[in-house]
Amino acid sequence: MSVPDWLTAPPETTASVRLWFIALFALYLFGRKSLARLHGGAAPTNMARLSDAATFAGSLLLLAGVVDPETLKAVGDTTVFLIIAGIGGLFYAGEQFLDERGDGRLAG
């Protein structure tokens, strides 16, 4: 089984940035779920965790852009990454606001 071409080099086109974003997003969710299972629990599946994955993927791509100018060009406008991070932050803050027990989990 060979590695796809877009995984063997930094993303330098808009299409490859999208593929990298999706791959990093999925990797984050898979890793989080795997770690939770290793520790005997279940990873939370709320909206804030999806935002965590999107923020992770977007941040890593922006950091890659610092190292590789072609990646930064391909990433281009960061508005989408900022919107995703902002929405996730609102969901997270809302959950914390509604937290009745003080332990970071909603009652229920």
PDB file of N, CA and C in Angstrom:
ATOM      1  N   MET A   1       0.848  -1.179   0.000  1.00  0.00           N
ATOM      2  CA  MET A   1       0.000   0.000   0.000  1.00  0.00           C
ATOM      3  C   MET A   1       0.888   1.235   0.000  1.00  0.00           C
ATOM      4  N   SER A   2       0.683   2.092  -0.947  1.00  0.00           N
ATOM      5  CA  SER A   2       1.518   3.287  -1.050  1.00  0.00           C
ATOM      6  C   SER A   2       0.829   4.484  -0.393  1.00  0.00           C
ATOM      7  N   VAL A   3       1.659   5.442  -0.021  1.00  0.00           N
ATOM      8  CA  VAL A   3       1.168   6.666   0.611  1.00  0.00           C
ATOM      9  C   VAL A   3       0.690   7.618  -0.486  1.00  0.00           C
ATOM     10  N   PRO A   4      -0.489   8.244  -0.306  1.00  0.00           N
ATOM     11  CA  PRO A   4      -0.959   9.195  -1.328  1.00  0.00           C
ATOM     12  C   PRO A   4       0.047  10.336  -1.541  1.00  0.00           C
ATOM     13  N   ASP A   5       0.125  10.824  -2.765  1.00  0.00           N
ATOM     14  CA  ASP A   5       1.070  11.890  -3.111  1.00  0.00           C
ATOM     15  C   ASP A   5       0.908  13.120  -2.227  1.00  0.00           C
ATOM     16  N   TRP A   6      -0.324  13.483  -1.898  1.00  0.00           N
ATOM     17  CA  TRP A   6      -0.538  14.716  -1.134  1.00  0.00           C
ATOM     18  C   TRP A   6      -0.029  14.606   0.300  1.00  0.00           C
ATOM     19  N   LEU A   7       0.268  13.372   0.769  1.00  0.00           N
ATOM     20  CA  LEU A   7       0.796  13.203   2.121  1.00  0.00           C
ATOM     21  C   LEU A   7       2.321  13.199   2.173  1.00  0.00           C
ATOM     22  N   THR A   8       2.955  13.155   1.023  1.00  0.00           N
ATOM     23  CA  THR A   8       4.415  13.050   1.000  1.00  0.00           C
ATOM     24  C   THR A   8       5.116  14.403   0.939  1.00  0.00           C
ATOM     25  N   ALA A   9       4.362  15.464   0.807  1.00  0.00           N
ATOM     26  CA  ALA A   9       4.949  16.806   0.726  1.00  0.00           C
ATOM     27  C   ALA A   9       4.031  17.784   1.451  1.00  0.00           C
ATOM     28  N   PRO A  10       4.587  18.923   1.878  1.00  0.00           N
ATOM     29  CA  PRO A  10       3.720  19.921   2.516  1.00  0.00           C
ATOM     30  C   PRO A  10       2.645  20.395   1.538  1.00  0.00           C
ATOM     31  N   PRO A  11       1.484  20.786   2.054  1.00  0.00           N
ATOM     32  CA  PRO A  11       0.425  21.258   1.155  1.00  0.00           C
ATOM     33  C   PRO A  11       0.825  22.562   0.470  1.00  0.00           C
ATOM     34  N   GLU A  12       0.728  22.555  -0.854  1.00  0.00           N
ATOM     35  CA  GLU A  12       1.103  23.758  -1.605  1.00  0.00           C
ATOM     36  C   GLU A  12       0.004  24.233  -2.538  1.00  0.00           C
ATOM     37  N   THR A  13      -1.150  23.572  -2.486  1.00  0.00           N
ATOM     38  CA  THR A  13      -2.311  24.010  -3.261  1.00  0.00           C
ATOM     39  C   THR A  13      -3.514  24.053  -2.321  1.00  0.00           C
ATOM     40  N   THR A  14      -4.537  24.767  -2.729  1.00  0.00           N
ATOM     41  CA  THR A  14      -5.743  24.853  -1.910  1.00  0.00           C
ATOM     42  C   THR A  14      -6.359  23.471  -1.708  1.00  0.00           C
ATOM     43  N   ALA A  15      -6.360  22.654  -2.751  1.00  0.00           N
ATOM     44  CA  ALA A  15      -6.923  21.305  -2.640  1.00  0.00           C
ATOM     45  C   ALA A  15      -6.144  20.464  -1.635  1.00  0.00           C
ATOM     46  N   SER A  16      -4.820  20.554  -1.658  1.00  0.00           N
ATOM     47  CA  SER A  16      -4.037  19.754  -0.712  1.00  0.00           C
ATOM     48  C   SER A  16      -4.188  20.282   0.716  1.00  0.00           C
ATOM     49  N   VAL A  17      -4.392  21.582   0.878  1.00  0.00           N
ATOM     50  CA  VAL A  17      -4.657  22.129   2.218  1.00  0.00           C
ATOM     51  C   VAL A  17      -5.956  21.539   2.757  1.00  0.00           C
ATOM     52  N   ARG A  18      -6.967  21.445   1.925  1.00  0.00           N
ATOM     53  CA  ARG A  18      -8.239  20.858   2.356  1.00  0.00           C
ATOM     54  C   ARG A  18      -8.058  19.400   2.763  1.00  0.00           C
ATOM     55  N   LEU A  19      -7.322  18.637   1.961  1.00  0.00           N
ATOM     56  CA  LEU A  19      -7.078  17.231   2.285  1.00  0.00           C
ATOM     57  C   LEU A  19      -6.307  17.089   3.591  1.00  0.00           C
ATOM     58  N   TRP A  20      -5.271  17.917   3.768  1.00  0.00           N
ATOM     59  CA  TRP A  20      -4.499  17.891   5.010  1.00  0.00           C
ATOM     60  C   TRP A  20      -5.385  18.258   6.196  1.00  0.00           C
ATOM     61  N   PHE A  21      -6.234  19.258   6.016  1.00  0.00           N
ATOM     62  CA  PHE A  21      -7.130  19.683   7.089  1.00  0.00           C
ATOM     63  C   PHE A  21      -8.028  18.529   7.518  1.00  0.00           C
ATOM     64  N   ILE A  22      -8.638  17.866   6.555  1.00  0.00           N
ATOM     65  CA  ILE A  22      -9.530  16.745   6.856  1.00  0.00           C
ATOM     66  C   ILE A  22      -8.762  15.609   7.527  1.00  0.00           C
ATOM     67  N   ALA A  23      -7.563  15.319   7.022  1.00  0.00           N
ATOM     68  CA  ALA A  23      -6.757  14.246   7.604  1.00  0.00           C
ATOM     69  C   ALA A  23      -6.346  14.573   9.044  1.00  0.00           C
ATOM     70  N   LEU A  24      -5.910  15.801   9.290  1.00  0.00           N
ATOM     71  CA  LEU A  24      -5.509  16.197  10.643  1.00  0.00           C
ATOM     72  C   LEU A  24      -6.707  16.227  11.591  1.00  0.00           C
ATOM     73  N   PHE A  25      -7.839  16.679  11.090  1.00  0.00           N
ATOM     74  CA  PHE A  25      -9.083  16.708  11.862  1.00  0.00           C
ATOM     75  C   PHE A  25      -9.436  15.290  12.314  1.00  0.00           C
ATOM     76  N   ALA A  26      -9.434  14.356  11.361  1.00  0.00           N
ATOM     77  CA  ALA A  26      -9.768  12.960  11.667  1.00  0.00           C
ATOM     78  C   ALA A  26      -8.731  12.336  12.602  1.00  0.00           C
ATOM     79  N   LEU A  27      -7.465  12.635  12.376  1.00  0.00           N
ATOM     80  CA  LEU A  27      -6.393  12.113  13.225  1.00  0.00           C
ATOM     81  C   LEU A  27      -6.582  12.574  14.674  1.00  0.00           C
ATOM     82  N   TYR A  28      -6.929  13.826  14.864  1.00  0.00           N
ATOM     83  CA  TYR A  28      -7.153  14.354  16.203  1.00  0.00           C
ATOM     84  C   TYR A  28      -8.306  13.619  16.890  1.00  0.00           C
ATOM     85  N   LEU A  29      -9.433  13.483  16.183  1.00  0.00           N
ATOM     86  CA  LEU A  29     -10.589  12.813  16.780  1.00  0.00           C
ATOM     87  C   LEU A  29     -10.275  11.351  17.089  1.00  0.00           C
ATOM     88  N   PHE A  30      -9.596  10.673  16.174  1.00  0.00           N
ATOM     89  CA  PHE A  30      -9.225   9.277  16.387  1.00  0.00           C
ATOM     90  C   PHE A  30      -8.270   9.145  17.571  1.00  0.00           C
ATOM     91  N   GLY A  31      -7.292  10.034  17.647  1.00  0.00           N
ATOM     92  CA  GLY A  31      -6.335  10.004  18.744  1.00  0.00           C
ATOM     93  C   GLY A  31      -7.002  10.264  20.078  1.00  0.00           C
ATOM     94  N   ARG A  32      -7.907  11.207  20.107  1.00  0.00           N
ATOM     95  CA  ARG A  32      -8.618  11.536  21.353  1.00  0.00           C
ATOM     96  C   ARG A  32      -9.477  10.366  21.809  1.00  0.00           C
ATOM     97  N   LYS A  33     -10.174   9.749  20.868  1.00  0.00           N
ATOM     98  CA  LYS A  33     -11.016   8.590  21.181  1.00  0.00           C
ATOM     99  C   LYS A  33     -10.154   7.420  21.658  1.00  0.00           C
ATOM    100  N   SER A  34      -9.023   7.203  21.011  1.00  0.00           N
ATOM    101  CA  SER A  34      -8.117   6.114  21.382  1.00  0.00           C
ATOM    102  C   SER A  34      -7.559   6.319  22.786  1.00  0.00           C
ATOM    103  N   LEU A  35      -7.128   7.528  23.097  1.00  0.00           N
ATOM    104  CA  LEU A  35      -6.605   7.814  24.437  1.00  0.00           C
ATOM    105  C   LEU A  35      -7.672   7.611  25.505  1.00  0.00           C
ATOM    106  N   ALA A  36      -8.898   8.023  25.216  1.00  0.00           N
ATOM    107  CA  ALA A  36      -9.981   7.851  26.181  1.00  0.00           C
ATOM    108  C   ALA A  36     -10.235   6.368  26.436  1.00  0.00           C
ATOM    109  N   ARG A  37     -10.203   5.571  25.382  1.00  0.00           N
ATOM    110  CA  ARG A  37     -10.430   4.130  25.552  1.00  0.00           C
ATOM    111  C   ARG A  37      -9.286   3.476  26.311  1.00  0.00           C
ATOM    112  N   LEU A  38      -8.062   3.927  26.083  1.00  0.00           N
ATOM    113  CA  LEU A  38      -6.917   3.383  26.816  1.00  0.00           C
ATOM    114  C   LEU A  38      -7.051   3.632  28.314  1.00  0.00           C
ATOM    115  N   HIS A  39      -7.679   4.731  28.660  1.00  0.00           N
ATOM    116  CA  HIS A  39      -7.844   5.097  30.062  1.00  0.00           C
ATOM    117  C   HIS A  39      -9.188   4.656  30.623  1.00  0.00           C
ATOM    118  N   GLY A  40      -9.894   3.808  29.876  1.00  0.00           N
ATOM    119  CA  GLY A  40     -11.128   3.227  30.375  1.00  0.00           C
ATOM    120  C   GLY A  40     -12.359   4.089  30.279  1.00  0.00           C
ATOM    121  N   GLY A  41     -12.315   5.155  29.545  1.00  0.00           N
ATOM    122  CA  GLY A  41     -13.475   6.032  29.420  1.00  0.00           C
ATOM    123  C   GLY A  41     -13.932   6.143  27.980  1.00  0.00           C
ATOM    124  N   ALA A  42     -14.834   7.045  27.756  1.00  0.00           N
ATOM    125  CA  ALA A  42     -15.315   7.347  26.411  1.00  0.00           C
ATOM    126  C   ALA A  42     -15.056   8.820  26.146  1.00  0.00           C
ATOM    127  N   ALA A  43     -14.525   9.119  24.993  1.00  0.00           N
ATOM    128  CA  ALA A  43     -14.243  10.509  24.646  1.00  0.00           C
ATOM    129  C   ALA A  43     -15.550  11.266  24.471  1.00  0.00           C
ATOM    130  N   PRO A  44     -15.621  12.479  24.984  1.00  0.00           N
ATOM    131  CA  PRO A  44     -16.832  13.272  24.787  1.00  0.00           C
ATOM    132  C   PRO A  44     -17.053  13.550  23.307  1.00  0.00           C
ATOM    133  N   THR A  45     -18.301  13.624  22.909  1.00  0.00           N
ATOM    134  CA  THR A  45     -18.613  13.844  21.497  1.00  0.00           C
ATOM    135  C   THR A  45     -19.364  15.140  21.287  1.00  0.00           C
ATOM    136  N   ASN A  46     -19.196  16.087  22.190  1.00  0.00           N
ATOM    137  CA  ASN A  46     -19.928  17.339  22.042  1.00  0.00           C
ATOM    138  C   ASN A  46     -19.285  18.233  20.980  1.00  0.00           C
ATOM    139  N   MET A  47     -19.977  19.288  20.655  1.00  0.00           N
ATOM    140  CA  MET A  47     -19.555  20.187  19.585  1.00  0.00           C
ATOM    141  C   MET A  47     -18.194  20.821  19.860  1.00  0.00           C
ATOM    142  N   ALA A  48     -17.883  21.098  21.093  1.00  0.00           N
ATOM    143  CA  ALA A  48     -16.603  21.728  21.414  1.00  0.00           C
ATOM    144  C   ALA A  48     -15.442  20.827  21.027  1.00  0.00           C
ATOM    145  N   ARG A  49     -15.597  19.503  21.126  1.00  0.00           N
ATOM    146  CA  ARG A  49     -14.516  18.597  20.762  1.00  0.00           C
ATOM    147  C   ARG A  49     -14.289  18.598  19.250  1.00  0.00           C
ATOM    148  N   LEU A  50     -15.347  18.750  18.495  1.00  0.00           N
ATOM    149  CA  LEU A  50     -15.189  18.876  17.040  1.00  0.00           C
ATOM    150  C   LEU A  50     -14.442  20.162  16.716  1.00  0.00           C
ATOM    151  N   SER A  51     -14.730  21.200  17.464  1.00  0.00           N
ATOM    152  CA  SER A  51     -14.022  22.456  17.273  1.00  0.00           C
ATOM    153  C   SER A  51     -12.557  22.315  17.669  1.00  0.00           C
ATOM    154  N   ASP A  52     -12.289  21.541  18.725  1.00  0.00           N
ATOM    155  CA  ASP A  52     -10.903  21.292  19.119  1.00  0.00           C
ATOM    156  C   ASP A  52     -10.130  20.663  17.959  1.00  0.00           C
ATOM    157  N   ALA A  53     -10.758  19.698  17.298  1.00  0.00           N
ATOM    158  CA  ALA A  53     -10.113  19.030  16.170  1.00  0.00           C
ATOM    159  C   ALA A  53      -9.870  20.009  15.021  1.00  0.00           C
ATOM    160  N   ALA A  54     -10.848  20.848  14.738  1.00  0.00           N
ATOM    161  CA  ALA A  54     -10.695  21.828  13.660  1.00  0.00           C
ATOM    162  C   ALA A  54      -9.632  22.864  14.005  1.00  0.00           C
ATOM    163  N   THR A  55      -9.593  23.282  15.261  1.00  0.00           N
ATOM    164  CA  THR A  55      -8.583  24.246  15.690  1.00  0.00           C
ATOM    165  C   THR A  55      -7.193  23.635  15.613  1.00  0.00           C
ATOM    166  N   PHE A  56      -7.068  22.372  16.013  1.00  0.00           N
ATOM    167  CA  PHE A  56      -5.794  21.662  15.918  1.00  0.00           C
ATOM    168  C   PHE A  56      -5.314  21.616  14.471  1.00  0.00           C
ATOM    169  N   ALA A  57      -6.185  21.193  13.566  1.00  0.00           N
ATOM    170  CA  ALA A  57      -5.813  21.061  12.160  1.00  0.00           C
ATOM    171  C   ALA A  57      -5.446  22.422  11.559  1.00  0.00           C
ATOM    172  N   GLY A  58      -6.270  23.426  11.809  1.00  0.00           N
ATOM    173  CA  GLY A  58      -5.994  24.758  11.267  1.00  0.00           C
ATOM    174  C   GLY A  58      -4.718  25.350  11.824  1.00  0.00           C
ATOM    175  N   SER A  59      -4.498  25.186  13.116  1.00  0.00           N
ATOM    176  CA  SER A  59      -3.288  25.727  13.744  1.00  0.00           C
ATOM    177  C   SER A  59      -2.035  25.056  13.197  1.00  0.00           C
ATOM    178  N   LEU A  60      -2.098  23.738  13.041  1.00  0.00           N
ATOM    179  CA  LEU A  60      -0.936  23.026  12.507  1.00  0.00           C
ATOM    180  C   LEU A  60      -0.628  23.468  11.073  1.00  0.00           C
ATOM    181  N   LEU A  61      -1.662  23.682  10.278  1.00  0.00           N
ATOM    182  CA  LEU A  61      -1.442  24.157   8.902  1.00  0.00           C
ATOM    183  C   LEU A  61      -0.852  25.567   8.894  1.00  0.00           C
ATOM    184  N   LEU A  62      -1.312  26.422   9.804  1.00  0.00           N
ATOM    185  CA  LEU A  62      -0.748  27.773   9.871  1.00  0.00           C
ATOM    186  C   LEU A  62       0.712  27.733  10.314  1.00  0.00           C
ATOM    187  N   LEU A  63       1.037  26.860  11.261  1.00  0.00           N
ATOM    188  CA  LEU A  63       2.438  26.716  11.674  1.00  0.00           C
ATOM    189  C   LEU A  63       3.294  26.163  10.540  1.00  0.00           C
ATOM    190  N   ALA A  64       2.738  25.239   9.757  1.00  0.00           N
ATOM    191  CA  ALA A  64       3.465  24.730   8.598  1.00  0.00           C
ATOM    192  C   ALA A  64       3.720  25.857   7.600  1.00  0.00           C
ATOM    193  N   GLY A  65       2.795  26.805   7.520  1.00  0.00           N
ATOM    194  CA  GLY A  65       2.962  27.949   6.633  1.00  0.00           C
ATOM    195  C   GLY A  65       4.106  28.860   7.042  1.00  0.00           C
ATOM    196  N   VAL A  66       4.432  28.875   8.319  1.00  0.00           N
ATOM    197  CA  VAL A  66       5.567  29.671   8.793  1.00  0.00           C
ATOM    198  C   VAL A  66       6.868  29.080   8.262  1.00  0.00           C
ATOM    199  N   VAL A  67       6.920  27.766   8.172  1.00  0.00           N
ATOM    200  CA  VAL A  67       8.117  27.066   7.712  1.00  0.00           C
ATOM    201  C   VAL A  67       8.197  27.025   6.191  1.00  0.00           C
ATOM    202  N   ASP A  68       7.062  26.825   5.541  1.00  0.00           N
ATOM    203  CA  ASP A  68       7.029  26.683   4.082  1.00  0.00           C
ATOM    204  C   ASP A  68       6.158  27.781   3.466  1.00  0.00           C
ATOM    205  N   PRO A  69       6.779  28.745   2.798  1.00  0.00           N
ATOM    206  CA  PRO A  69       6.010  29.856   2.212  1.00  0.00           C
ATOM    207  C   PRO A  69       4.934  29.410   1.219  1.00  0.00           C
ATOM    208  N   GLU A  70       5.171  28.310   0.505  1.00  0.00           N
ATOM    209  CA  GLU A  70       4.166  27.817  -0.445  1.00  0.00           C
ATOM    210  C   GLU A  70       2.914  27.329   0.292  1.00  0.00           C
ATOM    211  N   THR A  71       3.107  26.743   1.462  1.00  0.00           N
ATOM    212  CA  THR A  71       1.966  26.308   2.269  1.00  0.00           C
ATOM    213  C   THR A  71       1.173  27.514   2.740  1.00  0.00           C
ATOM    214  N   LEU A  72       1.876  28.556   3.156  1.00  0.00           N
ATOM    215  CA  LEU A  72       1.189  29.768   3.615  1.00  0.00           C
ATOM    216  C   LEU A  72       0.370  30.378   2.483  1.00  0.00           C
ATOM    217  N   LYS A  73       0.910  30.360   1.278  1.00  0.00           N
ATOM    218  CA  LYS A  73       0.150  30.864   0.123  1.00  0.00           C
ATOM    219  C   LYS A  73      -1.088  30.004  -0.111  1.00  0.00           C
ATOM    220  N   ALA A  74      -0.921  28.687   0.005  1.00  0.00           N
ATOM    221  CA  ALA A  74      -2.041  27.779  -0.239  1.00  0.00           C
ATOM    222  C   ALA A  74      -3.113  27.930   0.833  1.00  0.00           C
ATOM    223  N   VAL A  75      -2.692  28.153   2.083  1.00  0.00           N
ATOM    224  CA  VAL A  75      -3.668  28.369   3.161  1.00  0.00           C
ATOM    225  C   VAL A  75      -4.434  29.655   2.887  1.00  0.00           C
ATOM    226  N   GLY A  76      -3.703  30.692   2.464  1.00  0.00           N
ATOM    227  CA  GLY A  76      -4.329  31.953   2.089  1.00  0.00           C
ATOM    228  C   GLY A  76      -5.044  32.626   3.234  1.00  0.00           C
ATOM    229  N   ASP A  77      -6.286  32.976   3.027  1.00  0.00           N
ATOM    230  CA  ASP A  77      -7.090  33.683   4.012  1.00  0.00           C
ATOM    231  C   ASP A  77      -7.411  32.752   5.180  1.00  0.00           C
ATOM    232  N   THR A  78      -7.160  33.195   6.382  1.00  0.00           N
ATOM    233  CA  THR A  78      -7.379  32.361   7.569  1.00  0.00           C
ATOM    234  C   THR A  78      -8.750  32.579   8.202  1.00  0.00           C
ATOM    235  N   THR A  79      -9.633  33.268   7.521  1.00  0.00           N
ATOM    236  CA  THR A  79     -10.952  33.568   8.075  1.00  0.00           C
ATOM    237  C   THR A  79     -11.708  32.303   8.471  1.00  0.00           C
ATOM    238  N   VAL A  80     -11.658  31.273   7.632  1.00  0.00           N
ATOM    239  CA  VAL A  80     -12.396  30.040   7.925  1.00  0.00           C
ATOM    240  C   VAL A  80     -11.887  29.408   9.212  1.00  0.00           C
ATOM    241  N   PHE A  81     -10.564  29.360   9.385  1.00  0.00           N
ATOM    242  CA  PHE A  81      -9.995  28.789  10.601  1.00  0.00           C
ATOM    243  C   PHE A  81     -10.424  29.590  11.833  1.00  0.00           C
ATOM    244  N   LEU A  82     -10.432  30.898  11.707  1.00  0.00           N
ATOM    245  CA  LEU A  82     -10.826  31.749  12.837  1.00  0.00           C
ATOM    246  C   LEU A  82     -12.308  31.605  13.168  1.00  0.00           C
ATOM    247  N   ILE A  83     -13.142  31.443  12.157  1.00  0.00           N
ATOM    248  CA  ILE A  83     -14.575  31.243  12.392  1.00  0.00           C
ATOM    249  C   ILE A  83     -14.814  29.926  13.125  1.00  0.00           C
ATOM    250  N   ILE A  84     -14.146  28.859  12.668  1.00  0.00           N
ATOM    251  CA  ILE A  84     -14.303  27.556  13.312  1.00  0.00           C
ATOM    252  C   ILE A  84     -13.843  27.620  14.768  1.00  0.00           C
ATOM    253  N   ALA A  85     -12.688  28.223  14.991  1.00  0.00           N
ATOM    254  CA  ALA A  85     -12.171  28.343  16.358  1.00  0.00           C
ATOM    255  C   ALA A  85     -13.103  29.193  17.223  1.00  0.00           C
ATOM    256  N   GLY A  86     -13.635  30.263  16.660  1.00  0.00           N
ATOM    257  CA  GLY A  86     -14.544  31.131  17.407  1.00  0.00           C
ATOM    258  C   GLY A  86     -15.840  30.435  17.772  1.00  0.00           C
ATOM    259  N   ILE A  87     -16.423  29.694  16.843  1.00  0.00           N
ATOM    260  CA  ILE A  87     -17.659  28.955  17.123  1.00  0.00           C
ATOM    261  C   ILE A  87     -17.401  27.902  18.189  1.00  0.00           C
ATOM    262  N   GLY A  88     -16.280  27.207  18.059  1.00  0.00           N
ATOM    263  CA  GLY A  88     -15.938  26.203  19.064  1.00  0.00           C
ATOM    264  C   GLY A  88     -15.755  26.822  20.431  1.00  0.00           C
ATOM    265  N   GLY A  89     -15.126  27.976  20.480  1.00  0.00           N
ATOM    266  CA  GLY A  89     -14.941  28.673  21.743  1.00  0.00           C
ATOM    267  C   GLY A  89     -16.265  29.064  22.369  1.00  0.00           C
ATOM    268  N   LEU A  90     -17.210  29.496  21.540  1.00  0.00           N
ATOM    269  CA  LEU A  90     -18.538  29.845  22.059  1.00  0.00           C
ATOM    270  C   LEU A  90     -19.256  28.624  22.625  1.00  0.00           C
ATOM    271  N   PHE A  91     -19.175  27.491  21.910  1.00  0.00           N
ATOM    272  CA  PHE A  91     -19.792  26.273  22.416  1.00  0.00           C
ATOM    273  C   PHE A  91     -19.152  25.850  23.739  1.00  0.00           C
ATOM    274  N   TYR A  92     -17.836  25.892  23.782  1.00  0.00           N
ATOM    275  CA  TYR A  92     -17.133  25.503  24.997  1.00  0.00           C
ATOM    276  C   TYR A  92     -17.514  26.425  26.160  1.00  0.00           C
ATOM    277  N   ALA A  93     -17.512  27.726  25.906  1.00  0.00           N
ATOM    278  CA  ALA A  93     -17.868  28.685  26.954  1.00  0.00           C
ATOM    279  C   ALA A  93     -19.312  28.485  27.403  1.00  0.00           C
ATOM    280  N   GLY A  94     -20.200  28.186  26.457  1.00  0.00           N
ATOM    281  CA  GLY A  94     -21.596  27.930  26.800  1.00  0.00           C
ATOM    282  C   GLY A  94     -21.745  26.707  27.687  1.00  0.00           C
ATOM    283  N   GLU A  95     -20.998  25.655  27.364  1.00  0.00           N
ATOM    284  CA  GLU A  95     -21.037  24.453  28.198  1.00  0.00           C
ATOM    285  C   GLU A  95     -20.539  24.753  29.607  1.00  0.00           C
ATOM    286  N   GLN A  96     -19.478  25.500  29.691  1.00  0.00           N
ATOM    287  CA  GLN A  96     -18.925  25.829  31.000  1.00  0.00           C
ATOM    288  C   GLN A  96     -19.876  26.726  31.785  1.00  0.00           C
ATOM    289  N   PHE A  97     -20.556  27.610  31.098  1.00  0.00           N
ATOM    290  CA  PHE A  97     -21.517  28.500  31.744  1.00  0.00           C
ATOM    291  C   PHE A  97     -22.679  27.700  32.336  1.00  0.00           C
ATOM    292  N   LEU A  98     -23.098  26.663  31.600  1.00  0.00           N
ATOM    293  CA  LEU A  98     -24.232  25.855  32.037  1.00  0.00           C
ATOM    294  C   LEU A  98     -23.831  24.716  32.970  1.00  0.00           C
ATOM    295  N   ASP A  99     -22.551  24.567  33.227  1.00  0.00           N
ATOM    296  CA  ASP A  99     -22.041  23.509  34.095  1.00  0.00           C
ATOM    297  C   ASP A  99     -22.547  23.707  35.510  1.00  0.00           C
ATOM    298  N   GLU A 100     -23.334  22.761  35.981  1.00  0.00           N
ATOM    299  CA  GLU A 100     -23.915  22.895  37.310  1.00  0.00           C
ATOM    300  C   GLU A 100     -23.068  22.286  38.402  1.00  0.00           C
ATOM    301  N   ARG A 101     -22.241  21.312  38.040  1.00  0.00           N
ATOM    302  CA  ARG A 101     -21.475  20.599  39.064  1.00  0.00           C
ATOM    303  C   ARG A 101     -20.100  21.209  39.320  1.00  0.00           C
ATOM    304  N   GLY A 102     -19.637  22.028  38.404  1.00  0.00           N
ATOM    305  CA  GLY A 102     -18.325  22.630  38.570  1.00  0.00           C
ATOM    306  C   GLY A 102     -17.185  21.724  38.156  1.00  0.00           C
ATOM    307  N   ASP A 103     -17.496  20.603  37.504  1.00  0.00           N
ATOM    308  CA  ASP A 103     -16.445  19.671  37.096  1.00  0.00           C
ATOM    309  C   ASP A 103     -16.240  19.632  35.589  1.00  0.00           C
ATOM    310  N   GLY A 104     -16.811  20.587  34.866  1.00  0.00           N
ATOM    311  CA  GLY A 104     -16.623  20.657  33.425  1.00  0.00           C
ATOM    312  C   GLY A 104     -17.583  19.783  32.640  1.00  0.00           C
ATOM    313  N   ARG A 105     -18.536  19.160  33.300  1.00  0.00           N
ATOM    314  CA  ARG A 105     -19.518  18.319  32.604  1.00  0.00           C
ATOM    315  C   ARG A 105     -20.912  18.855  32.881  1.00  0.00           C
ATOM    316  N   LEU A 106     -21.762  18.793  31.877  1.00  0.00           N
ATOM    317  CA  LEU A 106     -23.137  19.225  32.067  1.00  0.00           C
ATOM    318  C   LEU A 106     -23.906  18.181  32.859  1.00  0.00           C
ATOM    319  N   ALA A 107     -24.826  18.637  33.670  1.00  0.00           N
ATOM    320  CA  ALA A 107     -25.654  17.714  34.434  1.00  0.00           C
ATOM    321  C   ALA A 107     -26.573  16.954  33.471  1.00  0.00           C
ATOM    322  N   GLY A 108     -26.861  15.721  33.795  1.00  0.00           N
ATOM    323  CA  GLY A 108     -27.782  15.005  32.922  1.00  0.00           C
ATOM    324  C   GLY A 108     -27.741  13.555  33.037  1.00  0.00           C
TER     325      GLY A 108
END
